[in-house]
Structure formats: C-alpha cells, structure tokens
Amino acid sequence: MQDCQDFECIFVDGGSTDGTLERIRAVPRPYRLLENVGGGISRAMNAGLEAARGDIIAHLHSDDFYVRPDVLSMVARQLETSGNEWLFGRAMPVKHGILQQENFVAPRFTYEALVRANFIPHPSTFVRRRLFARAGRFNAELKYAMDYELWLRLARLAQPLQLDIPLAAMREHDGSLTTREWLAAMQEALQVRLAFTDQGMAARSMHYLRYLVRHRRAIRAGAT
C-alpha cells in the first residue's frame, strides 16, 4: 500500500494463461486492465504508456514491488522540488522470498557513465509524461536492452535525479535466463552502447574490451 492515493494503476496482460488475470480481477478497483497485448514486453509497456493519464509514469513487472509505503509521494515531491523530469533510485533483490541487502553500488550519474554500463534499475525509475513525449517509447525491436536504450535517450534530453535509497525490489529466479540468452542480452547491450557512443575508435574499442571480459565471465559462470 502507498500513502499517496492520487495515482492510477494499469495492468497490461499479454495473454497469460497462468491465472494472472484471475488474480488481477480479485484486486479491489479502481484500476484499468489491458488484455491480450501481444508483441513482447516493449509493446506491453508502450500500451501502458499510451493508456496512462498521469503526469509521472513508472513500470512494475509482475515480480517487482515498492519497498516502502511513501515511494510515490516521495517521488512526486522530489521531482517537484528538484525540477528534474525523471529520477531513479536503488533496487533490492528478492531471493527465495527474502529481501536481500543490495551489494551493488551505482556510480554517480553522468551520461558517460551510463554509456559504459546500465546501472539504472527499471522498477525504481520514474519519468514525467512530457519527457516520454520528447524521447519516444520503448524500442520494440529490442528484446533485452529496451530499457537501457530508452534511458540513454532520456539522458540525452534531461539529467535525472539520482536517489541513493532503495525504492523497489525485484524478485530473482534461478535459471531465469539461459547462458545463450545472457550472451544475447550482452550482445544487444553492446550494440545499444555503440549506437550512443559519439567518440572515436578508442572509446568504441574500450566498449568491445569490456564486452569481451563480461562475455568470458558469463561463459565461465555457466548461467543456465
């Protein structure tokens, strides 16, 4: 529950058959439900964007939740007082149903740091509608790095406010991605990174080098 009551909740379902719709319908209204939105995650999120009427927009996937009851009111207050058009905080992992301490320390935000690596957690990111209107929607051609690519487009237009506190939690599942999928995700992120690299050959070479190091680590880890 959130202490802020001035918000709308939009559920976007891609044709699930696992009882998700029944659980949604059991939730007390008001909410809106978009059913049978096919075409992948990006199109589902874009459908939610089109349906949203609020000034500040955020996405929570089915395994995400906010870790404190004042997240929405705090975000609205921070954006209002700071004048920023988007912000992000930290996200905590949930393993086996237990909220874990976050060990990852994100660097201080700069555009250059974001090009090097995506350290912005999706469920802890909040964007004003007018900035979405300028930046565009999620790229439906991407399978893994659609959020990263959008963050880079947003960052070219506006500096985000970075909050050094957890706002959301993400449930982690063993074996959620196979090794092949991990490698494909890394390859796609590299292509996004290169597309936003305005520098010369040296910078592009560094991106390739970091990719090769991460690629080797992923293979050694043998994520399945």
Protein backbone atom coordinates (compact mmCIF):
# COMPACT_ATOMS: atom_id res chain seq x y z
CA MET A 1 0.00 0.00 0.00
CA GLN A 2 1.10 3.55 -0.73
CA ASP A 3 0.29 6.59 1.40
CA CYS A 4 -0.31 8.57 -1.80
CA GLN A 5 -3.80 7.91 -3.17
CA ASP A 6 -3.57 10.15 -6.23
CA PHE A 7 -2.35 7.53 -8.70
CA GLU A 8 -3.72 5.23 -11.36
CA CYS A 9 -2.92 1.54 -11.77
CA ILE A 10 -2.88 -0.04 -15.23
CA PHE A 11 -2.39 -3.78 -15.64
CA VAL A 12 -1.13 -4.91 -19.03
CA ASP A 13 -1.56 -8.61 -19.79
CA GLY A 14 -0.04 -10.29 -22.80
CA GLY A 15 -2.42 -13.22 -22.94
CA SER A 16 -1.24 -15.08 -19.85
CA THR A 17 -2.72 -18.49 -19.01
CA ASP A 18 -1.23 -18.91 -15.52
CA GLY A 19 -4.07 -17.39 -13.52
CA THR A 20 -2.72 -13.83 -13.68
CA LEU A 21 -5.99 -12.37 -14.94
CA GLU A 22 -7.94 -14.02 -12.14
CA ARG A 23 -5.58 -12.55 -9.55
CA ILE A 24 -5.85 -9.11 -11.13
CA ARG A 25 -9.65 -9.23 -11.15
CA ALA A 26 -9.56 -10.06 -7.44
CA VAL A 27 -7.78 -6.76 -6.74
CA PRO A 28 -10.15 -4.03 -5.49
CA ARG A 29 -10.73 -1.36 -8.10
CA PRO A 30 -10.11 1.28 -9.35
CA TYR A 31 -7.67 0.02 -11.94
CA ARG A 32 -7.63 -0.49 -15.68
CA LEU A 33 -6.83 -3.78 -17.39
CA LEU A 34 -5.45 -4.08 -20.91
CA GLU A 35 -5.85 -7.67 -22.09
CA ASN A 36 -4.16 -9.67 -24.85
CA VAL A 37 -1.49 -7.09 -25.61
CA GLY A 38 0.84 -9.16 -27.77
CA GLY A 39 4.21 -8.44 -29.30
CA GLY A 40 6.54 -8.69 -26.33
CA ILE A 41 7.50 -6.65 -23.28
CA SER A 42 8.24 -3.41 -25.11
CA ARG A 43 4.84 -3.32 -26.79
CA ALA A 44 3.16 -4.11 -23.47
CA MET A 45 4.96 -1.24 -21.75
CA ASN A 46 4.17 1.07 -24.66
CA ALA A 47 0.50 0.14 -24.40
CA GLY A 48 0.61 1.13 -20.74
CA LEU A 49 2.26 4.42 -21.69
CA GLU A 50 -0.48 5.18 -24.20
CA ALA A 51 -3.20 4.42 -21.66
CA ALA A 52 -1.63 6.35 -18.78
CA ARG A 53 -3.16 9.70 -17.86
CA GLY A 54 -0.88 10.70 -15.00
CA ASP A 55 2.00 13.18 -15.05
CA ILE A 56 4.60 10.73 -13.69
CA ILE A 57 4.93 7.24 -15.17
CA ALA A 58 6.61 4.13 -13.77
CA HIS A 59 6.61 0.42 -14.64
CA LEU A 60 6.45 -2.53 -12.28
CA HIS A 61 6.74 -6.01 -13.73
CA SER A 62 4.91 -8.91 -12.14
CA ASP A 63 7.83 -9.74 -9.83
CA ASP A 64 8.52 -6.15 -8.72
CA PHE A 65 7.17 -4.11 -5.81
CA TYR A 66 7.92 -0.90 -3.91
CA VAL A 67 9.82 -1.37 -0.66
CA ARG A 68 8.27 1.49 1.32
CA PRO A 69 4.77 2.97 1.58
CA ASP A 70 5.83 6.53 0.74
CA VAL A 71 7.61 5.85 -2.57
CA LEU A 72 5.02 7.52 -4.79
CA SER A 73 4.54 10.58 -2.59
CA MET A 74 8.30 10.97 -2.13
CA VAL A 75 8.95 10.69 -5.88
CA ALA A 76 6.31 13.32 -6.67
CA ARG A 77 7.79 15.63 -4.04
CA GLN A 78 11.37 15.12 -5.22
CA LEU A 79 10.52 15.81 -8.86
CA GLU A 80 8.53 18.89 -7.90
CA THR A 81 11.23 20.43 -5.69
CA SER A 82 14.21 19.47 -7.86
CA GLY A 83 12.76 20.43 -11.21
CA ASN A 84 14.13 17.23 -12.77
CA GLU A 85 11.97 15.43 -15.31
CA TRP A 86 12.95 11.93 -14.24
CA LEU A 87 14.61 10.17 -11.34
CA PHE A 88 15.84 6.77 -10.28
CA GLY A 89 16.75 5.13 -7.01
CA ARG A 90 18.17 1.79 -5.98
CA ALA A 91 16.51 -1.62 -6.18
CA MET A 92 16.83 -4.52 -3.76
CA PRO A 93 16.91 -8.17 -4.86
CA VAL A 94 14.50 -10.76 -3.50
CA LYS A 95 15.79 -14.34 -3.42
CA HIS A 96 13.66 -17.26 -2.28
CA GLY A 97 11.09 -14.81 -0.94
CA ILE A 98 13.58 -12.93 1.23
CA LEU A 99 14.53 -9.29 0.69
CA GLN A 100 18.31 -9.09 0.35
CA GLN A 101 20.77 -6.32 1.05
CA GLU A 102 21.87 -4.63 -2.15
CA ASN A 103 25.61 -5.05 -2.65
CA PHE A 104 25.88 -3.15 -5.92
CA VAL A 105 26.85 0.50 -5.56
CA ALA A 106 25.86 2.53 -8.61
CA PRO A 107 28.26 5.22 -9.79
CA ARG A 108 27.20 8.83 -9.62
CA PHE A 109 25.20 9.57 -12.71
CA THR A 110 26.81 11.02 -15.77
CA TYR A 111 25.85 10.36 -19.36
CA GLU A 112 29.30 8.91 -19.99
CA ALA A 113 28.94 6.51 -17.05
CA LEU A 114 25.58 5.33 -18.35
CA VAL A 115 27.02 4.66 -21.80
CA ARG A 116 29.64 2.45 -20.13
CA ALA A 117 27.07 0.39 -18.22
CA ASN A 118 23.39 0.36 -17.36
CA PHE A 119 23.08 0.95 -13.63
CA ILE A 120 19.50 2.29 -13.63
CA PRO A 121 17.01 -0.26 -12.22
CA HIS A 122 13.76 -0.22 -14.16
CA PRO A 123 11.26 -0.55 -11.27
CA SER A 124 12.96 2.33 -9.42
CA THR A 125 12.69 4.74 -12.35
CA PHE A 126 10.04 7.46 -12.67
CA VAL A 127 9.60 9.69 -15.73
CA ARG A 128 7.39 12.68 -16.38
CA ARG A 129 4.96 12.19 -19.24
CA ARG A 130 6.26 15.24 -21.11
CA LEU A 131 9.77 13.76 -21.22
CA PHE A 132 8.41 10.50 -22.64
CA ALA A 133 6.68 12.61 -25.30
CA ARG A 134 10.04 14.08 -26.31
CA ALA A 135 12.13 10.90 -26.07
CA GLY A 136 9.70 8.40 -27.54
CA ARG A 137 8.64 4.94 -26.44
CA PHE A 138 10.44 1.68 -25.77
CA ASN A 139 12.11 0.25 -28.86
CA ALA A 140 10.03 -2.81 -29.77
CA GLU A 141 12.84 -4.13 -31.98
CA LEU A 142 14.95 -4.86 -28.89
CA LYS A 143 14.42 -7.98 -26.82
CA TYR A 144 16.66 -7.36 -23.80
CA ALA A 145 18.08 -3.81 -23.74
CA MET A 146 14.92 -1.80 -24.41
CA ASP A 147 15.07 -0.07 -21.04
CA TYR A 148 18.79 0.72 -21.36
CA GLU A 149 18.27 2.21 -24.81
CA LEU A 150 15.43 4.38 -23.51
CA TRP A 151 17.46 5.58 -20.50
CA LEU A 152 20.16 6.75 -22.90
CA ARG A 153 17.62 8.65 -24.99
CA LEU A 154 16.16 10.24 -21.87
CA ALA A 155 19.62 11.13 -20.57
CA ARG A 156 20.45 12.95 -23.79
CA LEU A 157 17.47 15.20 -23.15
CA ALA A 158 17.48 15.65 -19.37
CA GLN A 159 19.65 14.92 -16.34
CA PRO A 160 17.93 12.53 -13.92
CA LEU A 161 17.80 12.97 -10.17
CA GLN A 162 19.62 10.07 -8.53
CA LEU A 163 18.35 8.96 -5.11
CA ASP A 164 20.70 6.86 -3.02
CA ILE A 165 17.90 4.90 -1.37
CA PRO A 166 16.03 1.71 -2.34
CA LEU A 167 12.67 2.37 -3.94
CA ALA A 168 11.74 -1.04 -5.35
CA ALA A 169 12.53 -4.73 -5.12
CA MET A 170 12.98 -7.26 -7.91
CA ARG A 171 12.45 -10.97 -7.42
CA GLU A 172 15.26 -13.05 -8.84
CA HIS A 173 14.64 -16.57 -10.11
CA ASP A 174 17.26 -19.27 -10.54
CA GLY A 175 17.67 -20.12 -14.17
CA SER A 176 15.56 -17.25 -15.44
CA LEU A 177 17.96 -16.78 -18.35
CA THR A 178 19.98 -19.45 -20.11
CA THR A 179 23.62 -18.92 -20.99
CA ARG A 180 22.65 -18.29 -24.61
CA GLU A 181 20.13 -15.65 -23.53
CA TRP A 182 22.66 -13.96 -21.25
CA LEU A 183 25.12 -13.74 -24.12
CA ALA A 184 22.42 -12.44 -26.47
CA ALA A 185 21.48 -9.79 -23.91
CA MET A 186 25.10 -8.72 -23.58
CA GLN A 187 25.47 -8.52 -27.35
CA GLU A 188 22.35 -6.40 -27.67
CA ALA A 189 23.51 -4.07 -24.89
CA LEU A 190 26.83 -3.64 -26.70
CA GLN A 191 25.06 -2.63 -29.90
CA VAL A 192 22.99 -0.09 -27.97
CA ARG A 193 26.13 1.22 -26.28
CA LEU A 194 27.93 1.66 -29.58
CA ALA A 195 24.95 3.46 -31.10
CA PHE A 196 25.18 6.07 -28.34
CA THR A 197 28.97 6.41 -28.42
CA ASP A 198 29.83 9.69 -30.11
CA GLN A 199 33.55 9.33 -29.53
CA GLY A 200 36.27 7.86 -31.71
CA MET A 201 37.80 4.45 -32.19
CA ALA A 202 39.46 4.39 -28.76
CA ALA A 203 36.14 4.66 -26.92
CA ARG A 204 34.50 2.04 -29.14
CA SER A 205 37.45 -0.27 -28.58
CA MET A 206 37.01 0.08 -24.80
CA HIS A 207 33.35 -0.92 -25.12
CA TYR A 208 34.36 -4.01 -27.09
CA LEU A 209 37.01 -4.86 -24.49
CA ARG A 210 34.53 -4.59 -21.61
CA TYR A 211 32.09 -6.72 -23.60
CA LEU A 212 34.69 -9.44 -24.15
CA VAL A 213 35.53 -9.50 -20.43
CA ARG A 214 31.85 -9.80 -19.46
CA HIS A 215 31.31 -12.38 -22.19
CA ARG A 216 34.10 -14.55 -20.82
CA ARG A 217 32.81 -14.23 -17.26
CA ALA A 218 29.31 -15.26 -18.36
CA ILE A 219 30.64 -18.35 -20.12
CA ARG A 220 32.74 -19.31 -17.11
CA ALA A 221 29.80 -18.83 -14.77
CA GLY A 222 27.75 -21.14 -16.99
CA ALA A 223 24.43 -19.48 -16.17
CA THR A 224 21.65 -21.86 -17.20
